[in-house]
Amino acid sequence: MVAWALRQVILWVVIGFVAYGVALKLLPQALSLAPAQQQAANAQTDAGAAIVNSQTFRADRTGHVVLDGDVNGSPVRFLVDTGATMVALTMNDATAAGFTRGDLVFDRRVNTANGVARVAPVTLRQLRIGQFSVYQVQAAVVENLSISLLGQSFLKRLSSYDMRDGVLTLSWE
């Protein structure tokens, strides 16, 4: 009787291993997560990893980076100026972005590379360069400025910016 019981146990163990092997061959997804569970697991894994986007711009022959952007939906040509505290707009670009002369109060003075200039502080609703947009950007309209400047009030909102071998890389998450 003990021999019969031992054979039964061995037989069922062998049948169990065979069934397990067949299940692994025929139903490989049976042991994996369902698609929705797999997507949730991937999302949790990726949640800690930041998605970084970047855009590059080549310097011109003088070493300056000039790029096109939008301020409040209007096109603006910018000179990238990492030494500028904030974005600075020409009077023409400010007008195109919706600021009228009557809206502007030129009550501040700043030192520029060309000397002292009067400026009117403004807040830009949106400033977009390529696919990257920032909102509520502190800026100034500068009298007698020949080209708008992309300064630190925009640049500090990026994850990083880097100038290497004549190529400016702007990166954001």
Protein backbone atom coordinates (compact mmCIF):
# COMPACT_ATOMS: atom_id res chain seq x y z
CA MET A 1 0.00 0.00 0.00
CA VAL A 2 2.86 2.42 0.75
CA ALA A 3 4.43 1.56 -2.61
CA TRP A 4 1.16 2.33 -4.39
CA ALA A 5 0.87 5.72 -2.59
CA LEU A 6 4.50 6.57 -3.43
CA ARG A 7 3.90 5.77 -7.13
CA GLN A 8 0.79 8.00 -7.10
CA VAL A 9 2.75 10.93 -5.61
CA ILE A 10 5.60 10.50 -8.12
CA LEU A 11 3.11 10.22 -11.00
CA TRP A 12 1.29 13.42 -9.98
CA VAL A 13 4.57 15.30 -9.51
CA VAL A 14 5.69 14.23 -13.02
CA ILE A 15 2.30 15.20 -14.46
CA GLY A 16 2.61 18.58 -12.69
CA PHE A 17 6.07 19.23 -14.18
CA VAL A 18 4.90 18.23 -17.66
CA ALA A 19 1.83 20.46 -17.38
CA TYR A 20 4.03 23.33 -16.18
CA GLY A 21 6.44 22.86 -19.11
CA VAL A 22 3.57 22.76 -21.62
CA ALA A 23 2.07 25.88 -20.08
CA LEU A 24 5.40 27.69 -20.44
CA LYS A 25 5.66 26.71 -24.11
CA LEU A 26 2.05 27.30 -25.13
CA LEU A 27 1.07 30.19 -22.89
CA PRO A 28 4.10 32.44 -22.39
CA GLN A 29 1.86 35.41 -21.56
CA ALA A 30 0.05 33.46 -18.86
CA LEU A 31 2.92 34.16 -16.46
CA SER A 32 3.46 37.80 -17.51
CA LEU A 33 1.40 40.81 -16.51
CA ALA A 34 -1.70 41.76 -18.43
CA PRO A 35 -1.07 44.63 -20.91
CA ALA A 36 -2.72 47.24 -18.66
CA GLN A 37 -0.71 46.03 -15.67
CA GLN A 38 2.47 46.05 -17.78
CA GLN A 39 1.84 49.66 -18.86
CA ALA A 40 1.24 50.67 -15.25
CA ALA A 41 4.48 48.97 -14.19
CA ASN A 42 6.37 50.73 -17.00
CA ALA A 43 4.86 54.08 -15.99
CA GLN A 44 6.00 53.55 -12.40
CA THR A 45 9.48 52.61 -13.60
CA ASP A 46 9.64 55.65 -15.88
CA ALA A 47 8.13 58.04 -13.32
CA GLY A 48 11.51 58.67 -11.72
CA ALA A 49 13.27 59.17 -15.04
CA ALA A 50 13.00 62.68 -16.48
CA ILE A 51 12.22 63.05 -20.14
CA VAL A 52 14.70 65.50 -21.58
CA ASN A 53 14.06 67.39 -24.80
CA SER A 54 16.65 69.51 -26.51
CA GLN A 55 17.17 71.79 -29.45
CA THR A 56 20.41 73.02 -30.97
CA PHE A 57 21.35 76.27 -32.67
CA ARG A 58 24.57 77.02 -34.53
CA ALA A 59 26.45 80.26 -33.91
CA ASP A 60 26.89 82.63 -36.84
CA ARG A 61 30.33 83.54 -38.23
CA THR A 62 30.76 86.20 -35.51
CA GLY A 63 30.15 83.61 -32.77
CA HIS A 64 26.68 84.86 -31.83
CA VAL A 65 23.59 82.68 -31.66
CA VAL A 66 20.57 84.32 -33.24
CA LEU A 67 17.31 82.39 -33.21
CA ASP A 68 13.63 82.82 -33.95
CA GLY A 69 10.98 82.62 -31.27
CA ASP A 70 7.48 83.81 -30.45
CA VAL A 71 6.41 86.31 -27.80
CA ASN A 72 2.70 86.29 -27.04
CA GLY A 73 2.20 84.59 -30.43
CA SER A 74 4.23 87.11 -32.48
CA PRO A 75 7.53 86.21 -34.16
CA VAL A 76 10.65 87.70 -32.59
CA ARG A 77 14.31 87.33 -33.63
CA PHE A 78 16.55 86.95 -30.55
CA LEU A 79 20.25 87.24 -29.87
CA VAL A 80 21.10 84.79 -27.08
CA ASP A 81 22.78 86.78 -24.28
CA THR A 82 23.69 84.66 -21.27
CA GLY A 83 24.96 87.82 -19.54
CA ALA A 84 21.61 89.58 -19.74
CA THR A 85 19.60 89.38 -16.54
CA MET A 86 16.32 89.19 -18.40
CA VAL A 87 14.74 89.01 -21.80
CA ALA A 88 14.94 92.39 -23.50
CA LEU A 89 12.64 93.41 -26.35
CA THR A 90 13.07 96.08 -28.98
CA MET A 91 10.26 98.60 -29.19
CA ASN A 92 9.11 97.06 -32.51
CA ASP A 93 9.04 93.52 -31.06
CA ALA A 94 7.19 94.75 -27.96
CA THR A 95 4.57 96.42 -30.15
CA ALA A 96 4.15 93.23 -32.21
CA ALA A 97 3.72 91.28 -28.94
CA GLY A 98 0.87 93.53 -27.89
CA PHE A 99 2.53 96.23 -25.76
CA THR A 100 1.66 99.76 -26.85
CA ARG A 101 3.76 102.82 -26.09
CA GLY A 102 1.03 103.91 -23.67
CA ASP A 103 1.32 100.61 -21.74
CA LEU A 104 5.03 101.08 -21.16
CA VAL A 105 6.55 103.04 -18.30
CA PHE A 106 10.26 103.69 -18.91
CA ASP A 107 11.11 104.29 -15.26
CA ARG A 108 14.30 102.24 -14.92
CA ARG A 109 17.81 102.52 -16.24
CA VAL A 110 20.21 99.69 -16.98
CA ASN A 111 23.84 99.49 -17.97
CA THR A 112 24.29 97.84 -21.34
CA ALA A 113 27.26 97.18 -23.56
CA ASN A 114 26.32 100.42 -25.36
CA GLY A 115 25.92 102.51 -22.21
CA VAL A 116 22.96 103.41 -20.00
CA ALA A 117 19.47 102.77 -21.43
CA ARG A 118 15.94 103.42 -20.22
CA VAL A 119 13.75 100.33 -19.85
CA ALA A 120 10.12 99.53 -19.20
CA PRO A 121 9.50 96.31 -17.23
CA VAL A 122 6.88 93.95 -18.69
CA THR A 123 5.66 90.40 -18.15
CA LEU A 124 5.42 88.25 -21.25
CA ARG A 125 2.38 85.98 -21.30
CA GLN A 126 4.29 83.35 -23.31
CA LEU A 127 7.75 83.03 -24.80
CA ARG A 128 8.34 80.08 -27.12
CA ILE A 129 11.54 78.86 -28.71
CA GLY A 130 10.93 75.79 -30.88
CA GLN A 131 8.86 73.31 -28.86
CA PHE A 132 9.72 74.86 -25.49
CA SER A 133 7.32 77.44 -24.04
CA VAL A 134 7.46 79.33 -20.78
CA TYR A 135 4.77 81.52 -19.31
CA GLN A 136 4.83 84.71 -17.24
CA VAL A 137 8.39 85.67 -18.19
CA GLN A 138 9.87 88.82 -16.68
CA ALA A 139 11.26 91.05 -19.43
CA ALA A 140 12.01 94.64 -20.30
CA VAL A 141 11.43 96.81 -23.33
CA VAL A 142 14.64 98.70 -24.01
CA GLU A 143 14.78 101.98 -25.90
CA ASN A 144 17.18 102.04 -28.86
CA LEU A 145 17.83 98.29 -28.81
CA SER A 146 18.60 96.92 -32.28
CA ILE A 147 17.76 93.24 -31.63
CA SER A 148 15.83 91.54 -28.83
CA LEU A 149 17.91 89.62 -26.30
CA LEU A 150 17.17 86.17 -24.90
CA GLY A 151 18.44 86.54 -21.32
CA GLN A 152 18.40 84.70 -18.01
CA SER A 153 14.71 85.21 -17.21
CA PHE A 154 14.14 82.69 -20.03
CA LEU A 155 17.36 80.65 -19.88
CA LYS A 156 17.02 79.81 -16.17
CA ARG A 157 13.67 78.13 -16.91
CA LEU A 158 15.46 75.48 -19.01
CA SER A 159 16.92 72.32 -17.48
CA SER A 160 20.24 73.40 -18.97
CA TYR A 161 21.92 75.24 -21.79
CA ASP A 162 25.38 74.59 -23.13
CA MET A 163 27.58 76.25 -25.73
CA ARG A 164 30.18 73.92 -27.23
CA ASP A 165 32.09 74.13 -30.49
CA GLY A 166 29.82 76.87 -31.82
CA VAL A 167 26.60 74.99 -31.05
CA LEU A 168 24.13 76.10 -28.38
CA THR A 169 22.03 73.29 -26.89
CA LEU A 170 18.87 74.15 -24.97
CA SER A 171 17.45 71.29 -22.87
CA TRP A 172 14.19 70.99 -20.94
CA GLU A 173 12.03 68.36 -19.28
